[in-house]
Protein backbone atom coordinates (compact mmCIF):
# COMPACT_ATOMS: atom_id res chain seq x y z
CA MET A 1 67.89 127.16 89.38
CA SER A 2 71.17 128.89 88.57
CA HIS A 3 74.51 127.37 89.62
CA ASN A 4 75.41 130.65 91.26
CA SER A 5 72.86 130.55 94.02
CA PRO A 6 74.61 129.36 97.21
CA ASN A 7 72.22 126.44 97.74
CA ALA A 8 72.14 125.14 94.14
CA GLU A 9 71.07 121.47 94.23
CA ASN A 10 71.92 120.94 97.93
CA ASP A 11 68.84 119.81 99.82
CA LEU A 12 69.07 121.05 103.41
CA ARG A 13 65.68 119.84 104.68
CA GLU A 14 65.60 117.47 107.62
CA VAL A 15 62.96 114.77 107.01
CA LYS A 16 60.84 113.13 109.72
CA GLN A 17 62.21 109.63 110.44
CA LEU A 18 60.20 106.40 110.80
CA GLY A 19 60.10 104.75 114.23
CA MET A 20 62.81 102.24 115.22
CA TRP A 21 61.12 98.95 114.19
CA ALA A 22 59.47 100.44 111.12
CA SER A 23 62.91 101.66 110.00
CA ILE A 24 64.60 98.30 110.57
CA THR A 25 61.93 96.31 108.71
CA SER A 26 62.00 98.78 105.80
CA LEU A 27 65.68 98.04 105.05
CA SER A 28 66.28 95.91 101.94
CA TYR A 29 68.31 92.74 101.30
CA ILE A 30 71.06 94.73 99.51
CA PHE A 31 71.46 96.96 102.60
CA TRP A 32 72.22 93.89 104.76
CA LEU A 33 74.53 92.43 102.09
CA VAL A 34 76.77 95.51 101.94
CA GLY A 35 76.65 95.54 105.74
CA GLY A 36 78.19 92.04 105.63
CA MET A 37 80.90 93.16 103.18
CA GLU A 38 81.74 96.15 105.34
CA LEU A 39 81.92 93.86 108.40
CA VAL A 40 84.46 91.53 106.74
CA GLU A 41 86.56 94.45 105.49
CA ARG A 42 86.61 96.11 108.94
CA ILE A 43 87.66 92.92 110.77
CA ALA A 44 90.72 92.73 108.53
CA TYR A 45 91.39 96.48 108.63
CA TYR A 46 91.19 96.91 112.40
CA GLY A 47 93.24 93.77 112.91
CA VAL A 48 96.19 95.75 111.57
CA LYS A 49 95.14 99.28 112.61
CA ALA A 50 94.64 98.48 116.30
CA SER A 51 98.07 96.95 116.73
CA ALA A 52 100.11 99.07 114.26
CA GLY A 53 101.67 101.28 116.96
CA LEU A 54 102.56 98.29 119.13
CA TYR A 55 104.08 96.52 116.09
CA ALA A 56 106.11 99.62 115.18
CA LYS A 57 107.61 100.11 118.63
CA ALA A 58 108.14 96.39 119.43
CA PRO A 59 111.89 95.64 119.19
CA GLU A 60 113.19 93.63 116.23
CA SER A 61 114.17 90.89 118.68
CA ALA A 62 110.44 90.38 119.35
CA GLY A 63 109.50 90.41 115.65
CA GLY A 64 108.42 94.07 115.62
CA LEU A 65 109.70 96.90 113.43
CA GLY A 66 111.80 98.45 116.22
CA ILE A 67 111.31 102.01 114.94
CA SER A 68 110.86 105.28 116.85
CA LEU A 69 107.45 106.83 117.38
CA SER A 70 108.41 109.70 115.06
CA ASP A 71 109.03 107.21 112.24
CA TYR A 72 105.76 105.48 113.06
CA GLY A 73 104.12 108.92 112.84
CA ILE A 74 105.41 109.34 109.27
CA ILE A 75 103.82 106.00 108.25
CA ILE A 76 100.47 106.82 109.90
CA SER A 77 100.38 110.32 108.44
CA LEU A 78 101.00 109.13 104.86
CA TRP A 79 98.52 106.27 105.37
CA ALA A 80 95.92 108.80 106.55
CA ILE A 81 96.43 111.22 103.69
CA MET A 82 96.30 108.45 101.08
CA GLN A 83 93.24 106.74 102.55
CA THR A 84 91.18 109.86 102.96
CA PHE A 85 92.07 111.79 99.82
CA VAL A 86 91.66 108.85 97.42
CA PRO A 87 87.83 108.64 97.95
CA VAL A 88 87.41 112.36 97.36
CA PHE A 89 88.29 111.70 93.74
CA THR A 90 87.33 108.00 93.42
CA GLY A 91 83.86 108.44 94.96
CA GLY A 92 82.77 109.89 91.65
CA ILE A 93 84.35 106.94 89.77
CA SER A 94 82.05 104.56 91.69
CA ASP A 95 79.04 106.64 90.57
CA ARG A 96 80.17 106.32 86.94
CA VAL A 97 81.89 102.91 86.57
CA GLY A 98 79.71 100.91 88.93
CA TYR A 99 79.90 99.91 92.58
CA LYS A 100 80.47 96.18 92.03
CA GLU A 101 83.53 96.78 89.85
CA THR A 102 85.17 99.22 92.28
CA ILE A 103 84.50 96.96 95.31
CA PHE A 104 86.11 94.01 93.48
CA GLY A 105 89.21 96.01 92.47
CA SER A 106 89.66 97.46 95.94
CA THR A 107 89.59 94.01 97.58
CA ILE A 108 92.49 92.81 95.41
CA ILE A 109 94.56 95.92 96.26
CA LYS A 110 93.89 95.42 99.99
CA ILE A 111 95.01 91.75 99.89
CA MET A 112 98.28 92.93 98.27
CA GLY A 113 98.70 95.44 101.10
CA TYR A 114 98.41 92.82 103.88
CA LEU A 115 100.78 90.44 102.11
CA THR A 116 103.36 93.21 101.60
CA MET A 117 103.31 93.85 105.37
CA ALA A 118 103.83 90.14 106.05
CA PHE A 119 106.66 89.63 103.55
CA PHE A 120 108.66 92.81 104.32
CA PRO A 121 108.89 93.47 108.10
CA THR A 122 110.81 96.78 107.67
CA PHE A 123 109.94 100.48 107.80
CA TRP A 124 109.64 100.61 103.98
CA GLY A 125 107.75 97.32 103.79
CA PHE A 126 105.18 98.42 106.35
CA LEU A 127 104.89 101.85 104.72
CA SER A 128 104.28 100.29 101.26
CA GLY A 129 101.73 97.85 102.73
CA SER A 130 99.96 100.71 104.53
CA LEU A 131 99.73 102.77 101.35
CA LEU A 132 98.28 99.83 99.37
CA LEU A 133 95.80 99.26 102.20
CA ALA A 134 94.95 102.97 102.19
CA ILE A 135 94.32 103.08 98.42
CA GLY A 136 92.20 99.91 98.60
CA THR A 137 90.14 101.27 101.51
CA GLY A 138 89.68 104.61 99.75
CA ILE A 139 88.26 102.86 96.66
CA PHE A 140 86.15 100.40 98.71
CA LYS A 141 84.28 102.93 100.85
CA PRO A 142 82.32 105.06 98.32
CA GLY A 143 80.98 101.97 96.52
CA ILE A 144 79.67 100.46 99.75
CA GLN A 145 78.27 103.73 101.09
CA GLY A 146 76.80 104.75 97.73
CA THR A 147 74.94 101.41 97.65
CA LEU A 148 73.66 102.14 101.15
CA VAL A 149 72.32 105.57 100.16
CA LEU A 150 70.58 104.15 97.07
CA SER A 151 69.05 101.25 99.02
CA THR A 152 67.50 103.53 101.68
CA ASN A 153 65.18 106.55 101.57
CA ARG A 154 65.07 109.86 103.40
CA ASN A 155 62.73 108.64 106.16
CA ASN A 156 64.84 105.67 107.29
CA THR A 157 68.37 107.08 106.81
CA SER A 158 68.95 107.87 110.48
CA MET A 159 68.35 104.27 111.48
CA ALA A 160 70.15 102.88 108.41
CA TRP A 161 73.36 104.81 109.14
CA GLY A 162 73.07 103.92 112.83
CA ILE A 163 72.83 100.20 112.04
CA PHE A 164 75.56 100.41 109.39
CA TYR A 165 77.85 102.11 111.89
CA GLN A 166 77.05 99.38 114.38
CA VAL A 167 78.07 96.72 111.82
CA VAL A 168 81.33 98.61 111.17
CA ASN A 169 82.03 98.37 114.87
CA ILE A 170 81.35 94.65 115.09
CA GLY A 171 84.26 94.44 112.63
CA GLY A 172 86.16 96.99 114.68
CA PHE A 173 85.57 94.79 117.75
CA LEU A 174 86.55 91.43 116.23
CA GLY A 175 89.60 92.65 114.27
CA PRO A 176 91.74 93.65 117.29
CA LEU A 177 90.84 90.37 119.06
CA VAL A 178 92.14 88.45 116.05
CA ALA A 179 95.31 90.58 116.22
CA VAL A 180 95.82 90.07 119.98
CA HIS A 181 95.87 86.29 119.60
CA MET A 182 97.70 86.14 116.28
CA ARG A 183 100.51 88.46 117.38
CA GLN A 184 101.19 86.36 120.46
CA LEU A 185 102.13 83.60 117.97
CA SER A 186 104.07 85.93 115.65
CA TRP A 187 103.49 89.32 114.05
CA ASP A 188 103.31 88.13 110.42
CA ASN A 189 100.37 85.87 111.34
CA VAL A 190 98.32 89.04 111.91
CA PHE A 191 98.81 90.10 108.29
CA TYR A 192 98.18 86.64 106.80
CA ALA A 193 94.97 86.33 108.83
CA CYS A 194 93.73 89.73 107.61
CA ALA A 195 94.45 88.85 103.96
CA ALA A 196 92.46 85.61 104.36
CA ILE A 197 89.53 87.35 106.07
CA ILE A 198 89.07 90.04 103.42
CA SER A 199 89.04 87.39 100.65
CA LEU A 200 85.58 86.40 101.94
CA ASN A 201 84.21 89.50 100.20
CA PHE A 202 84.56 87.75 96.83
CA LEU A 203 81.78 85.38 97.99
CA PHE A 204 79.50 88.32 98.88
CA LEU A 205 80.14 89.90 95.48
CA LEU A 206 78.66 86.83 93.78
CA THR A 207 75.21 87.72 95.17
CA TYR A 208 75.56 91.52 94.93
CA THR A 209 73.35 93.44 92.51
CA GLU A 210 73.92 97.16 92.17
CA PRO A 211 70.91 99.35 93.06
CA GLY A 212 70.21 102.17 90.60
CA LYS A 213 72.30 100.40 87.92
CA ALA A 214 69.70 100.99 85.20
CA GLU A 215 69.68 104.73 85.97
CA ARG A 216 73.49 104.84 85.96
CA LEU A 217 73.69 103.04 82.58
CA ALA A 218 70.94 105.28 81.18
CA ARG A 219 72.83 108.36 82.35
CA ASN A 220 76.06 107.02 80.79
CA GLN A 221 74.15 106.40 77.53
CA GLN A 222 72.85 109.99 77.51
CA ILE A 223 76.39 111.25 78.11
CA LYS A 224 77.69 109.13 75.20
CA SER A 225 75.01 110.45 72.85
CA GLY A 226 75.76 114.00 73.97
CA ASP A 227 72.33 114.64 75.56
CA ILE A 228 74.00 115.32 78.92
CA LYS A 229 77.32 117.09 79.19
CA GLN A 230 79.48 115.47 81.86
CA GLU A 231 82.30 117.45 83.43
CA THR A 232 85.64 115.72 83.99
CA LEU A 233 85.58 114.04 87.38
CA TRP A 234 88.06 116.24 89.22
CA ARG A 235 86.40 119.40 87.87
CA ASP A 236 83.00 118.11 88.95
CA ALA A 237 84.34 117.29 92.44
CA TRP A 238 86.04 120.69 92.63
CA HIS A 239 82.79 122.46 91.70
CA GLU A 240 81.02 120.79 94.65
CA LEU A 241 83.97 121.19 97.02
CA LYS A 242 84.01 124.97 96.54
CA LYS A 243 80.52 125.34 98.04
CA PRO A 244 80.75 127.14 101.41
CA ILE A 245 78.56 124.49 103.06
CA VAL A 246 81.23 121.87 102.20
CA ILE A 247 84.30 124.04 102.94
CA TYR A 248 83.14 125.04 106.44
CA TYR A 249 82.19 121.44 107.16
CA MET A 250 85.80 120.39 106.40
CA LEU A 251 87.31 123.03 108.62
CA VAL A 252 85.17 122.57 111.72
CA PHE A 253 85.33 118.77 111.78
CA SER A 254 89.09 118.40 111.21
CA GLY A 255 89.79 119.04 114.91
CA PHE A 256 87.44 116.28 116.02
CA TRP A 257 89.21 113.81 113.73
CA PHE A 258 92.55 114.80 115.22
CA LEU A 259 91.10 113.85 118.60
CA PHE A 260 89.40 110.68 117.34
CA ASN A 261 92.46 109.17 115.67
CA SER A 262 94.73 109.88 118.65
CA LEU A 263 92.61 107.38 120.54
CA PHE A 264 93.50 104.64 118.05
CA ASP A 265 97.05 105.64 117.08
CA VAL A 266 98.44 106.70 120.46
CA LEU A 267 96.27 105.33 123.29
CA PRO A 268 97.31 101.65 122.82
CA ILE A 269 100.95 102.75 123.26
CA HIS A 270 100.01 104.81 126.34
CA ILE A 271 98.16 101.84 127.86
CA SER A 272 101.01 99.41 127.15
CA GLU A 273 103.53 101.75 128.80
CA TRP A 274 101.69 103.35 131.74
CA VAL A 275 98.49 101.48 132.64
CA ASP A 276 98.54 98.39 134.86
CA THR A 277 95.64 96.47 133.31
CA SER A 278 96.11 93.43 135.57
CA VAL A 279 94.01 95.42 138.10
CA ILE A 280 90.96 94.85 135.87
CA VAL A 281 91.55 91.10 135.62
CA THR A 282 92.13 90.88 139.38
CA SER A 283 88.92 92.72 140.22
CA LEU A 284 86.92 90.54 137.81
CA PHE A 285 88.49 87.10 138.41
CA GLY A 286 90.72 87.33 141.52
CA SER A 287 94.51 87.44 141.74
CA GLU A 288 95.05 84.28 139.67
CA GLY A 289 93.37 85.75 136.59
CA THR A 290 91.43 83.42 134.29
CA SER A 291 92.44 80.40 132.25
CA ASN A 292 89.11 80.33 130.39
CA GLY A 293 90.03 80.55 126.69
CA ILE A 294 86.66 82.00 125.66
CA LEU A 295 86.94 84.85 128.20
CA GLN A 296 90.57 85.42 127.20
CA PHE A 297 89.53 85.85 123.57
CA TRP A 298 86.51 88.12 124.07
CA LEU A 299 88.18 90.35 126.66
CA GLY A 300 91.42 90.61 124.69
CA LEU A 301 93.58 89.15 127.50
CA ASN A 302 97.13 87.85 127.20
CA ASN A 303 97.65 84.07 126.90
CA GLU A 304 98.24 83.77 130.66
CA GLY A 305 94.88 85.46 131.36
CA THR A 306 96.47 87.90 133.83
CA LYS A 307 96.17 91.27 132.07
CA VAL A 308 94.14 93.01 129.38
CA MET A 309 96.14 93.72 126.21
CA PRO A 310 95.99 97.37 124.96
CA GLU A 311 93.82 96.36 121.99
CA GLY A 312 91.47 94.63 124.44
CA MET A 313 91.09 97.85 126.46
CA LEU A 314 90.42 99.89 123.34
CA ASN A 315 87.92 97.29 122.19
CA LEU A 316 85.50 98.60 124.78
CA ASN A 317 84.95 101.41 122.25
CA ALA A 318 83.84 99.10 119.44
CA GLY A 319 82.00 96.82 121.90
CA LEU A 320 79.83 99.65 123.21
CA ILE A 321 79.08 100.98 119.73
CA MET A 322 78.32 97.48 118.50
CA THR A 323 75.74 96.90 121.24
CA SER A 324 74.19 100.32 121.69
CA CYS A 325 74.67 102.50 118.61
CA PHE A 326 71.10 101.92 117.41
CA LEU A 327 69.82 103.17 120.80
CA VAL A 328 71.84 106.38 120.50
CA ALA A 329 70.60 106.71 116.88
CA ALA A 330 67.00 106.34 118.09
CA LEU A 331 67.46 108.79 121.00
CA THR A 332 69.13 111.45 118.85
CA ALA A 333 66.98 111.08 115.69
CA LYS A 334 64.60 113.76 116.95
CA TYR A 335 67.27 116.45 117.46
CA ARG A 336 69.05 118.64 114.93
CA ILE A 337 72.08 116.86 113.47
CA THR A 338 74.56 119.65 114.32
CA THR A 339 73.35 119.86 117.96
CA VAL A 340 73.90 116.11 118.43
CA MET A 341 77.38 116.37 116.87
CA LEU A 342 78.35 119.23 119.19
CA ILE A 343 77.38 117.32 122.37
CA GLY A 344 79.27 114.28 121.06
CA CYS A 345 82.38 116.37 120.51
CA LEU A 346 82.26 117.79 124.06
CA LEU A 347 81.98 114.31 125.62
CA SER A 348 85.00 113.14 123.60
CA ILE A 349 87.09 116.13 124.72
CA LEU A 350 86.29 115.43 128.36
CA ALA A 351 87.39 111.80 127.90
CA PHE A 352 90.85 112.94 126.77
CA VAL A 353 91.20 115.18 129.82
CA PHE A 354 90.47 112.08 131.93
CA ILE A 355 93.12 110.01 130.13
CA GLY A 356 95.65 112.75 130.83
CA ALA A 357 94.70 113.16 134.49
CA PHE A 358 94.47 109.53 135.66
CA HIS A 359 96.36 106.39 134.74
CA ALA A 360 94.43 103.93 136.90
CA ALA A 361 93.06 101.16 134.66
CA TRP A 362 89.39 101.60 135.61
CA PHE A 363 89.60 105.36 134.94
CA ILE A 364 90.89 104.62 131.45
CA VAL A 365 87.92 102.25 130.97
CA PHE A 366 85.57 105.07 132.02
CA ALA A 367 87.27 107.54 129.65
CA ILE A 368 87.03 105.13 126.70
CA ALA A 369 83.31 104.57 127.46
CA MET A 370 82.69 108.33 127.59
CA PHE A 371 84.55 108.85 124.32
CA SER A 372 82.49 106.08 122.69
CA ILE A 373 79.17 107.74 123.55
CA GLY A 374 80.50 110.97 122.03
CA GLU A 375 81.62 109.12 118.93
CA MET A 376 78.19 107.48 118.50
CA MET A 377 76.66 110.96 118.46
CA ILE A 378 79.03 112.23 115.76
CA SER A 379 80.10 109.49 113.39
CA PRO A 380 76.88 108.06 111.92
CA LYS A 381 75.45 111.59 111.77
CA LYS A 382 78.22 112.94 109.52
CA ASN A 383 77.34 110.43 106.76
CA GLU A 384 73.61 110.98 107.18
CA PHE A 385 74.21 114.73 106.91
CA MET A 386 76.35 114.51 103.75
CA GLY A 387 74.10 111.88 102.12
CA ASN A 388 71.10 114.16 102.73
CA ILE A 389 72.54 117.39 101.33
CA ALA A 390 74.16 115.73 98.28
CA PRO A 391 72.62 116.55 94.87
CA GLU A 392 71.17 113.63 92.85
CA GLY A 393 73.73 111.50 91.01
CA LYS A 394 76.49 112.72 93.33
CA LYS A 395 75.78 110.71 96.49
CA ALA A 396 79.02 108.69 96.43
CA MET A 397 80.99 111.84 95.61
CA TYR A 398 79.60 113.62 98.68
CA LEU A 399 80.23 110.57 100.86
CA GLY A 400 83.80 110.77 99.59
CA PHE A 401 83.89 114.37 100.85
CA VAL A 402 83.07 113.12 104.37
CA MET A 403 86.60 111.72 104.29
CA LEU A 404 88.23 115.13 103.74
CA PRO A 405 88.03 116.49 107.30
CA GLN A 406 89.02 113.00 108.43
CA GLY A 407 92.02 113.22 106.11
CA ILE A 408 93.07 116.64 107.37
CA GLY A 409 92.55 115.70 111.03
CA TRP A 410 94.08 112.22 110.81
CA GLY A 411 96.91 113.34 108.53
CA LEU A 412 97.96 115.99 111.07
CA GLU A 413 97.39 113.66 114.04
CA GLY A 414 99.30 110.83 112.39
CA TYR A 415 102.35 113.04 112.32
CA PHE A 416 101.91 115.10 115.50
CA GLY A 417 100.08 112.61 117.79
CA PRO A 418 102.97 110.12 118.16
CA LYS A 419 105.41 113.08 118.25
CA LEU A 420 103.52 114.77 121.12
CA TYR A 421 103.47 111.44 122.91
CA GLU A 422 107.20 110.98 122.35
CA ILE A 423 107.93 114.44 123.81
CA TYR A 424 105.69 114.19 126.90
CA ALA A 425 105.14 110.51 127.59
CA SER A 426 107.65 108.19 125.92
CA LYS A 427 108.70 105.49 128.37
CA GLU A 428 111.50 104.57 125.98
CA LEU A 429 113.11 108.05 126.16
CA PHE A 430 112.51 108.47 129.91
CA SER A 431 114.16 105.09 130.54
CA ARG A 432 117.22 106.16 128.56
CA ASP A 433 117.46 109.38 130.63
CA LEU A 434 117.15 107.47 133.90
CA LEU A 435 119.82 104.98 132.81
CA LEU A 436 122.20 107.91 132.28
CA GLU A 437 121.28 109.31 135.71
CA ARG A 438 121.90 105.91 137.33
CA GLY A 439 125.37 105.77 135.87
CA MET A 440 125.22 103.84 132.59
CA SER A 441 127.62 105.31 130.01
CA PRO A 442 126.15 107.35 127.13
CA THR A 443 127.75 104.92 124.64
CA ASP A 444 126.01 101.95 126.25
CA VAL A 445 122.68 103.79 126.38
CA SER A 446 122.79 104.74 122.70
CA ALA A 447 123.67 101.12 121.84
CA ILE A 448 120.38 99.82 123.32
CA PRO A 449 118.12 98.65 120.44
CA GLN A 450 114.96 100.73 119.87
CA GLY A 451 112.15 99.44 122.11
CA GLU A 452 114.37 97.76 124.73
CA ALA A 453 115.30 100.70 126.99
CA PHE A 454 112.83 99.92 129.78
CA THR A 455 113.71 96.21 130.02
CA THR A 456 117.38 97.28 130.12
CA LEU A 457 116.56 99.73 132.93
CA VAL A 458 114.89 96.97 134.95
CA SER A 459 117.89 94.62 134.68
CA PHE A 460 120.44 97.44 135.18
CA THR A 461 118.88 98.81 138.40
CA GLY A 462 117.56 95.50 139.76
CA GLU A 463 114.31 97.24 140.76
CA ASN A 464 110.93 95.84 139.77
CA ALA A 465 109.12 97.03 136.65
CA HIS A 466 106.02 98.27 138.49
CA ASP A 467 107.99 100.58 140.84
CA LEU A 468 110.15 101.93 138.00
CA THR A 469 107.04 102.67 135.90
CA GLN A 470 105.53 104.52 138.87
CA LEU A 471 108.76 106.50 139.37
CA LEU A 472 108.92 107.53 135.69
CA TYR A 473 105.21 108.42 135.66
CA ASN A 474 105.47 110.62 138.75
CA SER A 475 108.59 112.44 137.60
CA HIS A 476 107.13 113.52 134.23
CA ASN A 477 104.03 115.42 133.15
CA ILE A 478 102.62 112.58 131.05
CA GLY A 479 99.10 114.01 130.84
CA MET A 480 100.29 117.05 128.87
CA ALA A 481 100.16 115.26 125.50
CA TRP A 482 96.48 114.43 126.11
CA TYR A 483 95.60 117.95 127.29
CA ILE A 484 97.05 119.43 124.09
CA ILE A 485 94.98 116.99 122.00
CA ALA A 486 91.85 117.89 124.04
CA ALA A 487 92.51 121.61 123.39
CA ILE A 488 92.56 120.97 119.62
CA GLY A 489 89.20 119.20 119.98
CA THR A 490 87.80 122.19 121.90
CA ILE A 491 88.53 124.54 119.00
CA SER A 492 86.62 122.12 116.79
CA ALA A 493 83.62 122.07 119.16
CA VAL A 494 83.37 125.87 119.01
CA GLY A 495 83.46 125.63 115.21
CA ILE A 496 80.69 122.99 115.15
CA TYR A 497 78.52 125.25 117.31
CA PHE A 498 78.79 128.19 114.91
CA TYR A 499 78.41 125.94 111.86
CA GLY A 500 75.12 124.65 113.29
CA LYS A 501 73.86 128.22 113.81
CA TRP A 502 74.83 129.19 110.24
CA LEU A 503 73.13 126.09 108.75
CA LEU A 504 69.93 126.92 110.60
CA THR A 505 69.93 130.37 108.97
CA LEU A 506 70.45 128.76 105.53
CA GLN A 507 67.64 126.25 106.14
CA ARG A 508 65.23 129.01 107.10
CA ALA A 509 66.19 131.01 104.00
CA GLN A 510 65.66 127.92 101.80
CA GLN A 511 62.24 127.24 103.36
CA ALA A 512 61.23 130.87 102.90
CA ALA A 513 62.25 130.71 99.22
CA HIS A 514 60.13 127.57 98.65
């Protein structure tokens, strides 16, 4: 087959999947082992990721960074670009050097990242820590996912990716809970805890054996002896990246990732500023809240047990995925991958409209649940899709490509998401404006440390915090930031629809040719 034909080496067939139990029992020991490693890595990662925005905007007097949301946006944007573009070029390294070696190296880099955050609580310290964490994550992912592809086959991939995604979300669920309770002691405890947690992966590595290692070594031997000509890595990656099927994939999914990451980068800030989460505790446990430590931990409550912390609210996302992703995988296994992704995207968009329109706590819970169902329809499917169309010997490289639209979407969101929020919904800026209106001098207002404007407003006016929050909410169009983000997602949904139609044409052409 010539390299010039548009479908060279990319297998576009969709293979009939085994039933649910047959799929689960067909998964090997190595599949479950890398699942465990991914779980440990995600607990540590989400411990920092879920609370990063809250840490950035917390005033220095409370142990936070005390920086503006625009500065936080710069950190998140660089973090995003680094984390998602590294695997595009290191995915291929895992295929060549070996998965065990790259997983080991990445764990060391990630530990350095967490410790940098703990030792240097400044803008530059957190930025450096984030970049180390991003590089480590970028190197870690392709090795783990490449192992997964090699330890499964085409008729159990749907279930395998569904379960793997579920495991990721158990980590995504536990990480923020660790952060909630550690940060109430002090912020640096969060980073120390995450460094300790990820060290557990060294134990897993002791029992890890790389699948397909003999084939990899044989291929390397043939390359050495000159039987196979191997292109330089970046040129090889570039050759695959130029294929229309990959380029269009990048473009249409970038918008969804803009939407997706806003939920994690911006929503915790929105909840902490505008949503009265004590309503949830009251309706579950009565006006006194709960003093049960186990409930406080699993629901992500504050130490007094009177309100849900922002990370606790967002944890509904990981909690739902953790408990029901395999069901969604089973229900959607029979449909075309692009159709499932489109429906998922539409549900997510609707959730953002809800967040913009209502700030009652239970409505936010509903919106997060709706978003989560949409996410379960998209996220595992994107890896299954890329793993399936990847040519032999380039599985990890293609799974690195999955990160590209994430990188574009998250890189743009990291910069613009917090900025949009600052323009349309920043309680900090609105409080400063109201202080000026109520007669505080401009000099005094500009002297207020970053992150302390609202508490200053409360003491200056003598009114209670709840009424002032309500006043600020009603006098500004806070939903606008979320509507703009939803509009970006809508463009993406239209793109996914046409991409699905185009793929179907390609598949039919490929079948006709065979």
